[in-house]
Protein backbone atom coordinates (compact mmCIF):
# COMPACT_ATOMS: atom_id res chain seq x y z
CA MET A 1 -12.01 -35.11 -8.04
CA ALA A 2 -13.62 -32.24 -6.13
CA LYS A 3 -14.86 -29.33 -8.18
CA LYS A 4 -12.71 -26.21 -7.95
CA LEU A 5 -14.20 -23.37 -5.96
CA LYS A 6 -14.56 -20.20 -7.99
CA ALA A 7 -13.69 -16.62 -7.01
CA VAL A 8 -14.34 -13.40 -8.91
CA ILE A 9 -12.43 -10.28 -7.93
CA ALA A 10 -13.33 -6.65 -8.66
CA GLY A 11 -10.15 -4.64 -9.09
CA GLY A 12 -6.80 -5.47 -10.67
CA GLY A 13 -4.61 -3.36 -8.40
CA LEU A 14 -2.00 -4.57 -5.93
CA GLY A 15 -4.49 -6.02 -3.43
CA GLY A 16 -6.66 -7.61 -6.07
CA MET A 17 -3.78 -9.30 -7.86
CA ALA A 18 -2.14 -10.47 -4.62
CA THR A 19 -5.46 -12.02 -3.55
CA ALA A 20 -5.84 -13.65 -6.95
CA VAL A 21 -2.35 -15.18 -6.77
CA ALA A 22 -2.91 -16.47 -3.24
CA LEU A 23 -6.22 -18.13 -4.13
CA GLY A 24 -4.86 -19.50 -7.39
CA MET A 25 -1.98 -21.13 -5.49
CA ARG A 26 -4.55 -22.91 -3.33
CA GLY A 27 -6.46 -24.40 -6.23
CA TRP A 28 -9.20 -21.82 -6.75
CA ASP A 29 -10.53 -20.88 -10.16
CA VAL A 30 -9.99 -17.10 -10.18
CA THR A 31 -11.03 -14.29 -12.52
CA VAL A 32 -10.09 -10.66 -11.96
CA TYR A 33 -12.21 -7.91 -13.48
CA GLU A 34 -10.50 -4.56 -14.06
CA ARG A 35 -12.31 -1.34 -14.96
CA GLN A 36 -9.45 0.06 -17.07
CA ASN A 37 -8.46 -1.31 -20.47
CA ALA A 38 -5.22 -2.70 -19.00
CA LEU A 39 -3.72 -3.38 -15.60
CA ARG A 40 -2.24 -0.07 -14.45
CA ALA A 41 -0.74 0.91 -11.11
CA ALA A 42 -2.06 4.16 -9.68
CA GLY A 43 0.67 6.30 -8.15
CA SER A 44 4.42 6.52 -8.61
CA GLY A 45 6.58 4.72 -6.03
CA ILE A 46 5.75 2.47 -3.12
CA TYR A 47 7.37 1.44 0.15
CA ILE A 48 7.40 -2.28 0.91
CA TRP A 49 8.34 -3.13 4.48
CA GLU A 50 9.35 -6.52 5.87
CA ASN A 51 5.73 -7.72 6.17
CA GLY A 52 5.00 -6.94 2.53
CA LEU A 53 8.24 -8.52 1.34
CA ARG A 54 7.38 -11.74 3.16
CA VAL A 55 3.99 -11.76 1.43
CA LEU A 56 5.68 -11.34 -1.96
CA GLU A 57 7.99 -14.25 -1.14
CA ALA A 58 5.03 -16.44 -0.23
CA LEU A 59 3.33 -15.50 -3.52
CA GLY A 60 6.40 -16.20 -5.65
CA ALA A 61 6.55 -12.58 -6.82
CA TYR A 62 9.49 -11.35 -4.75
CA ASP A 63 12.37 -11.59 -7.23
CA ALA A 64 10.58 -9.74 -10.02
CA ALA A 65 9.13 -7.16 -7.65
CA VAL A 66 12.44 -6.13 -6.08
CA GLU A 67 14.76 -6.43 -9.10
CA GLY A 68 16.81 -3.22 -9.19
CA ALA A 69 14.81 -1.73 -6.32
CA PHE A 70 16.32 0.68 -3.80
CA HIS A 71 17.13 -0.87 -0.43
CA GLY A 72 17.11 1.84 2.22
CA HIS A 73 19.14 1.75 5.41
CA TYR A 74 17.88 4.89 7.17
CA PHE A 75 14.67 6.85 7.35
CA GLU A 76 15.54 10.45 8.18
CA GLN A 77 13.41 13.48 9.06
CA ARG A 78 14.62 17.07 8.79
CA ASP A 79 13.16 20.33 10.04
CA ASN A 80 12.54 23.66 8.35
CA ARG A 81 16.22 24.56 8.75
CA GLY A 82 17.40 21.32 7.19
CA GLU A 83 18.59 19.97 10.54
CA ILE A 84 18.04 16.33 11.43
CA ILE A 85 15.05 15.66 13.69
CA GLU A 86 15.56 11.90 13.73
CA SER A 87 17.68 9.46 11.75
CA ALA A 88 16.43 5.94 12.34
CA PRO A 89 18.44 2.96 11.06
CA ILE A 90 16.42 0.15 9.50
CA PRO A 91 17.38 -3.11 11.25
CA ALA A 92 19.10 -5.69 9.04
CA ASP A 93 16.36 -8.23 9.75
CA LYS A 94 13.55 -5.77 8.93
CA ARG A 95 13.95 -4.96 5.27
CA LEU A 96 12.53 -1.92 3.50
CA ILE A 97 12.65 -1.43 -0.23
CA THR A 98 11.11 1.12 -2.56
CA VAL A 99 10.12 0.40 -6.13
CA LYS A 100 7.87 1.67 -8.90
CA ARG A 101 4.28 0.61 -8.39
CA SER A 102 4.11 -0.53 -12.00
CA GLN A 103 6.97 -2.99 -11.39
CA LEU A 104 5.27 -4.43 -8.32
CA LEU A 105 1.96 -4.83 -10.15
CA ALA A 106 3.69 -6.49 -13.11
CA ALA A 107 5.36 -8.99 -10.76
CA LEU A 108 2.01 -9.89 -9.20
CA ALA A 109 0.35 -10.14 -12.61
CA GLU A 110 3.01 -12.58 -13.82
CA ALA A 111 2.64 -14.70 -10.68
CA ALA A 112 -1.12 -14.70 -11.24
CA ARG A 113 -0.69 -15.89 -14.82
CA LYS A 114 1.44 -18.80 -13.64
CA HIS A 115 -1.39 -19.94 -11.39
CA GLY A 116 -4.06 -19.78 -14.08
CA VAL A 117 -5.70 -16.52 -13.00
CA ARG A 118 -7.71 -14.87 -15.77
CA VAL A 119 -7.86 -11.07 -16.09
CA GLU A 120 -10.67 -9.35 -17.97
CA THR A 121 -10.22 -5.64 -18.63
CA SER A 122 -12.70 -2.86 -19.52
CA MET A 123 -15.16 -4.44 -17.08
CA GLU A 124 -16.61 -1.89 -14.68
CA VAL A 125 -18.06 -3.45 -11.52
CA ILE A 126 -20.98 -1.48 -10.08
CA GLY A 127 -22.00 -3.79 -7.28
CA ALA A 128 -22.05 -7.22 -5.67
CA THR A 129 -24.50 -9.42 -3.83
CA PRO A 130 -24.13 -11.73 -0.81
CA ARG A 131 -24.79 -14.62 -3.21
CA GLY A 132 -21.27 -14.20 -4.64
CA GLU A 133 -22.26 -12.13 -7.67
CA LEU A 134 -20.51 -9.20 -9.31
CA LEU A 135 -22.67 -6.74 -11.25
CA PHE A 136 -21.30 -4.79 -14.21
CA ALA A 137 -22.07 -1.46 -15.85
CA ASN A 138 -22.81 -3.22 -19.15
CA GLY A 139 -25.65 -5.17 -17.52
CA GLN A 140 -23.77 -8.44 -17.14
CA ARG A 141 -23.45 -10.33 -13.91
CA VAL A 142 -21.26 -13.24 -12.90
CA ARG A 143 -21.76 -15.57 -9.98
CA ALA A 144 -19.09 -17.49 -8.12
CA ASP A 145 -18.60 -19.19 -4.78
CA LEU A 146 -16.94 -15.98 -3.60
CA ALA A 147 -16.99 -12.39 -4.87
CA ILE A 148 -14.26 -10.05 -3.59
CA GLY A 149 -14.24 -6.27 -3.85
CA VAL A 150 -10.74 -4.82 -4.01
CA ASP A 151 -12.03 -1.84 -5.95
CA GLY A 152 -10.53 1.08 -4.09
CA ILE A 153 -11.65 3.91 -1.86
CA TRP A 154 -14.88 4.52 -3.83
CA SER A 155 -15.72 0.81 -3.75
CA ARG A 156 -19.05 0.04 -5.38
CA VAL A 157 -18.87 -3.43 -3.84
CA ARG A 158 -18.66 -1.98 -0.32
CA LEU A 159 -21.56 0.37 -0.97
CA SER A 160 -23.83 -2.18 -2.66
CA LEU A 161 -23.37 -4.63 0.21
CA GLY A 162 -24.23 -1.93 2.76
CA LEU A 163 -20.92 -2.37 4.60
CA GLU A 164 -19.67 1.22 4.76
CA ILE A 165 -19.65 3.04 8.09
CA LEU A 166 -16.99 5.65 7.25
CA HIS A 167 -15.33 7.20 4.24
CA GLU A 168 -13.67 10.50 4.93
CA GLN A 169 -10.95 12.38 3.16
CA THR A 170 -8.10 14.01 5.00
CA VAL A 171 -7.14 17.66 4.97
CA GLU A 172 -3.68 16.79 3.69
CA GLY A 173 -2.87 15.53 0.22
CA ALA A 174 0.17 14.99 -1.97
CA LEU A 175 1.65 15.75 -5.35
CA ARG A 176 3.43 12.63 -6.60
CA THR A 177 5.92 12.26 -9.42
CA VAL A 178 9.01 10.38 -10.52
CA ILE A 179 12.08 12.23 -11.79
CA PRO A 180 15.23 10.92 -13.49
CA ALA A 181 18.14 10.48 -11.12
CA GLN A 182 21.52 12.07 -11.78
CA PRO A 183 24.93 11.53 -10.16
CA GLY A 184 25.32 13.61 -7.02
CA ASP A 185 21.58 14.17 -6.54
CA ILE A 186 21.87 13.01 -2.94
CA PRO A 187 25.13 13.83 -1.10
CA GLU A 188 27.36 10.83 -0.42
CA GLN A 189 26.79 11.06 3.35
CA ASP A 190 23.05 10.75 2.72
CA GLY A 191 23.26 7.66 0.55
CA GLY A 192 20.91 4.84 1.50
CA LYS A 193 18.44 7.22 3.11
CA TYR A 194 14.82 8.11 2.65
CA ILE A 195 14.58 11.77 3.61
CA GLU A 196 11.40 13.50 4.78
CA ASN A 197 11.70 17.28 5.02
CA TRP A 198 9.24 19.45 6.97
CA ASN A 199 8.48 23.16 6.65
CA GLY A 200 5.27 24.51 8.12
CA LYS A 201 2.36 22.48 6.77
CA ARG A 202 4.34 21.37 3.75
CA ARG A 203 6.73 18.44 3.49
CA PHE A 204 8.98 17.04 0.80
CA LEU A 205 9.73 13.30 0.72
CA ILE A 206 12.69 12.00 -1.30
CA THR A 207 12.49 8.31 -2.17
CA PRO A 208 14.96 6.66 -4.55
CA ILE A 209 13.27 3.71 -6.25
CA ASN A 210 16.11 2.40 -8.44
CA ASP A 211 19.44 3.55 -9.88
CA ASP A 212 17.74 5.74 -12.46
CA GLU A 213 14.68 7.25 -10.78
CA ILE A 214 13.61 9.11 -7.65
CA TYR A 215 10.05 9.25 -6.38
CA LEU A 216 9.06 12.62 -4.93
CA ALA A 217 6.02 13.34 -2.76
CA LEU A 218 5.18 16.99 -2.05
CA THR A 219 2.46 17.18 0.60
CA CYS A 220 0.35 20.06 1.84
CA PRO A 221 -3.22 20.83 2.92
CA GLY A 222 -5.80 20.60 0.19
CA ASN A 223 -6.66 24.29 0.58
CA ASP A 224 -3.05 25.33 -0.16
CA GLU A 225 -3.92 26.23 -3.75
CA ALA A 226 -0.45 27.47 -4.72
CA ALA A 227 1.37 24.41 -3.40
CA ARG A 228 -1.06 21.76 -4.66
CA ALA A 229 -1.08 22.83 -8.33
CA THR A 230 -0.10 19.93 -10.60
CA THR A 231 1.80 22.43 -12.74
CA VAL A 232 4.25 22.59 -9.88
CA ASP A 233 5.26 26.03 -8.61
CA LYS A 234 8.94 25.19 -8.50
CA ALA A 235 9.95 28.56 -7.07
CA LEU A 236 7.54 28.14 -4.15
CA TRP A 237 8.66 24.62 -3.28
CA SER A 238 12.35 25.51 -3.78
CA ALA A 239 11.99 28.42 -1.38
CA ASP A 240 10.64 26.04 1.27
CA PHE A 241 13.22 23.31 0.59
CA PRO A 242 16.27 25.06 -0.89
CA ALA A 243 18.63 22.13 -0.32
CA TRP A 244 16.60 20.13 -2.82
CA ARG A 245 16.08 22.80 -5.50
CA HIS A 246 17.98 20.66 -8.02
CA LEU A 247 15.40 17.87 -7.64
CA ILE A 248 12.39 20.18 -7.68
CA GLU A 249 13.61 21.86 -10.88
CA ARG A 250 13.61 18.46 -12.59
CA ILE A 251 9.89 17.80 -11.99
CA GLY A 252 8.12 17.30 -15.30
CA ALA A 253 4.52 17.35 -16.48
CA GLU A 254 3.47 13.94 -15.10
CA VAL A 255 2.36 14.96 -11.62
CA SER A 256 -0.72 13.68 -9.79
CA TRP A 257 -2.53 15.28 -6.86
CA GLY A 258 -4.78 13.53 -4.38
CA VAL A 259 -5.96 13.82 -0.81
CA TYR A 260 -5.94 10.72 1.36
CA SER A 261 -8.94 8.63 2.36
CA VAL A 262 -9.87 6.67 5.46
CA THR A 263 -12.48 3.94 5.04
CA LYS A 264 -14.05 1.63 7.60
CA ALA A 265 -16.60 -1.11 7.13
CA ARG A 266 -19.18 -2.59 9.47
CA THR A 267 -17.82 -5.99 8.53
CA TRP A 268 -15.50 -7.16 5.76
CA SER A 269 -17.95 -9.68 4.36
CA SER A 270 -21.58 -10.43 3.69
CA GLY A 271 -22.51 -13.97 2.82
CA HIS A 272 -20.35 -15.02 -0.11
CA ALA A 273 -18.90 -11.56 -0.75
CA ALA A 274 -15.92 -9.85 0.89
CA ILE A 275 -13.91 -6.63 0.65
CA LEU A 276 -10.30 -5.79 1.42
CA GLY A 277 -7.63 -3.19 0.70
CA ASP A 278 -8.76 0.42 0.31
CA ALA A 279 -12.33 -0.83 -0.16
CA ALA A 280 -12.32 -1.98 3.47
CA HIS A 281 -9.50 -0.20 5.29
CA ALA A 282 -7.94 2.71 3.39
CA GLN A 283 -5.42 4.74 5.35
CA PRO A 284 -3.10 7.71 4.75
CA PRO A 285 0.32 6.63 3.41
CA ASN A 286 2.22 7.90 6.46
CA LEU A 287 3.38 4.42 7.54
CA GLY A 288 3.86 3.11 4.01
CA GLN A 289 1.42 0.26 4.67
CA GLY A 290 -1.58 0.78 2.38
CA GLY A 291 -0.34 -1.66 -0.24
CA GLY A 292 1.29 -3.89 2.35
CA MET A 293 -1.92 -4.33 4.32
CA ALA A 294 -3.91 -5.04 1.15
CA MET A 295 -1.50 -7.76 0.03
CA GLN A 296 -1.23 -9.16 3.55
CA MET A 297 -5.01 -9.40 3.94
CA GLY A 298 -5.36 -11.05 0.53
CA LEU A 299 -2.89 -13.77 1.50
CA ALA A 300 -4.55 -14.23 4.90
CA LEU A 301 -7.94 -14.56 3.19
CA SER A 302 -6.64 -17.39 1.02
CA VAL A 303 -5.27 -19.18 4.09
CA ALA A 304 -8.62 -18.86 5.87
CA LEU A 305 -10.27 -20.48 2.84
CA ALA A 306 -7.59 -23.13 2.23
CA ASP A 307 -9.47 -25.97 3.92
CA VAL A 308 -12.92 -25.04 2.62
CA ARG A 309 -14.29 -27.75 0.35
CA ASP A 310 -17.99 -26.89 0.51
CA ALA A 311 -19.08 -23.44 -0.62
CA ARG A 312 -21.57 -23.36 2.24
CA ASP A 313 -18.62 -23.01 4.65
CA ILE A 314 -17.31 -19.83 3.03
CA PRO A 315 -19.26 -17.26 5.14
CA ALA A 316 -17.93 -18.74 8.40
CA ALA A 317 -14.38 -18.77 7.02
CA LEU A 318 -14.70 -15.11 6.05
CA GLU A 319 -15.84 -14.21 9.56
CA ALA A 320 -12.87 -16.07 11.07
CA TRP A 321 -10.48 -14.30 8.68
CA GLU A 322 -11.77 -10.89 9.72
CA ALA A 323 -11.69 -11.69 13.43
CA ALA A 324 -8.05 -12.74 13.18
CA GLU A 325 -6.76 -9.94 10.95
CA ARG A 326 -8.83 -6.84 11.60
CA PRO A 327 -7.13 -5.77 14.88
CA LEU A 328 -3.77 -5.32 13.14
CA VAL A 329 -5.29 -3.42 10.22
CA GLU A 330 -7.19 -1.04 12.48
CA HIS A 331 -4.10 -0.47 14.62
CA CYS A 332 -2.09 0.42 11.51
CA GLN A 333 -4.84 2.70 10.23
CA LYS A 334 -5.08 4.49 13.59
CA TRP A 335 -1.35 5.16 13.88
CA SER A 336 -1.07 6.26 10.26
CA CYS A 337 -3.73 8.88 10.96
CA LEU A 338 -2.00 9.95 14.19
CA TYR A 339 1.29 10.41 12.37
CA GLY A 340 -0.42 12.67 9.88
CA GLU A 341 -1.52 15.02 12.63
CA VAL A 342 2.06 16.19 13.26
CA ALA A 343 1.93 17.97 9.90
CA PHE A 344 -0.26 20.62 11.52
CA LEU A 345 1.98 21.35 14.50
CA PRO A 346 4.24 24.42 14.59
CA ASP A 347 7.74 23.55 13.39
CA GLU A 348 9.45 23.64 16.80
CA VAL A 349 6.63 21.71 18.45
CA ARG A 350 6.73 19.11 15.69
CA THR A 351 10.47 18.62 16.15
CA ARG A 352 10.12 18.09 19.90
CA THR A 353 7.13 15.80 19.43
CA ILE A 354 8.79 13.54 16.87
CA ARG A 355 12.02 13.28 18.84
CA ALA A 356 10.24 12.45 22.07
CA ALA A 357 7.80 10.01 20.47
CA MET A 358 10.25 8.04 18.36
CA SER A 359 12.75 7.71 21.21
CA ASP A 360 10.06 6.01 23.29
CA PRO A 361 10.18 2.21 22.77
CA TRP A 362 6.43 1.83 23.27
CA VAL A 363 5.55 4.46 20.65
CA SER A 364 8.09 3.04 18.22
CA ALA A 365 6.59 -0.42 18.66
CA GLN A 366 3.12 0.91 17.83
CA VAL A 367 4.32 2.73 14.70
CA PHE A 368 6.15 -0.33 13.37
CA ARG A 369 3.74 -3.01 14.57
CA ALA A 370 2.44 -3.76 11.08
CA ALA A 371 5.90 -3.66 9.48
CA ASN A 372 7.19 -6.08 12.13
CA SER A 373 4.18 -8.38 12.00
CA LEU A 374 4.37 -11.97 10.75
CA PRO A 375 1.79 -12.19 7.95
CA THR A 376 -0.53 -15.18 8.01
CA GLY A 377 0.68 -17.59 5.37
CA THR A 378 4.38 -16.73 5.72
CA GLU A 379 5.13 -18.69 8.88
CA HIS A 380 7.12 -21.24 6.87
CA LEU A 381 9.59 -18.60 5.68
CA LEU A 382 12.72 -18.14 7.76
CA PRO A 383 13.46 -14.60 8.97
CA TRP A 384 15.74 -12.74 6.58
CA SER A 385 18.60 -12.62 9.11
CA GLU A 386 18.40 -16.41 9.65
CA ARG A 387 18.44 -17.07 5.93
CA ALA A 388 21.61 -15.02 5.61
CA ARG A 389 23.19 -16.96 8.48
CA VAL A 390 22.18 -20.34 7.00
CA ALA A 391 23.60 -19.32 3.61
CA VAL A 392 26.95 -18.57 5.23
């Protein structure tokens, strides 16, 4: 019997756990090392588009991840007067759900457990080597056939391997929080919608994530000191978005602030070490694809390695993986950044720009290219619409 190949992963977030599940399913011996003392999901809610949902299905984590989740039918944008800029229906065969990040991470962690993945917490990774080693703050080091850095925007793996060519933070950032939902929070005619409201350089995104909770994102430039305070100035935000005062008033003490990051790497691998997720290709959340791309790349990595039996073949497999997948990731990153630029347009110009752009089939195809993509490793899954037809 051939010896199992071994992988060690830095980072127990969404991308790290998805990668661990995918490798574990293909017979790898996998250990995940997490800096915190437990697996915790950073952030509040998350959008999972069709591509991400297909990945979760392939990993066996779909049912637990989407249990009780909100299934949206429209994504709507409104201007500074509360008037609709665009109301785009979500096609029946291109699902979009929103859920708490903690629920998604728990679903991936359970799938990982079923495939024998080990998770070691309170282990801070400070570097990696092309030999497949992870280096730890406590002086330990572990060596495997493959070391993978999924350790976030400040990735020590990326830096230690000399792969970074860009890490910049955006002007815009967001306050994020989850509030309890109450009957009548969203008018009946607006049910099933995600609603993004614009006013000047501020915007207010309303995202139901289940029957009991609503995820709110309040975005503004980082130099907008009054608006970015984590002790939220409810009067200020209510003045900008009066239709949603009742939601803003319910914001509690658990509010996080952060600007967005964009990262790019010279390559995604060096020898027997690789990076993915925010460590390799962080992007603003404007297309809702940060987590989706991380999970999708983790699954694709496992497929690229599926036929490897000799550890000496791993570097070539990593190069092939990157060549196949990087164009989609960079396209998604580019269009996410472009979308963010409309935040700095005057209100009337923004309205005209969004309406003209999203009514153009070519532009729409670019914006939704990642969401509509067929993730590597999910080709065996029928499209959602076909499954519904077969069931009938």
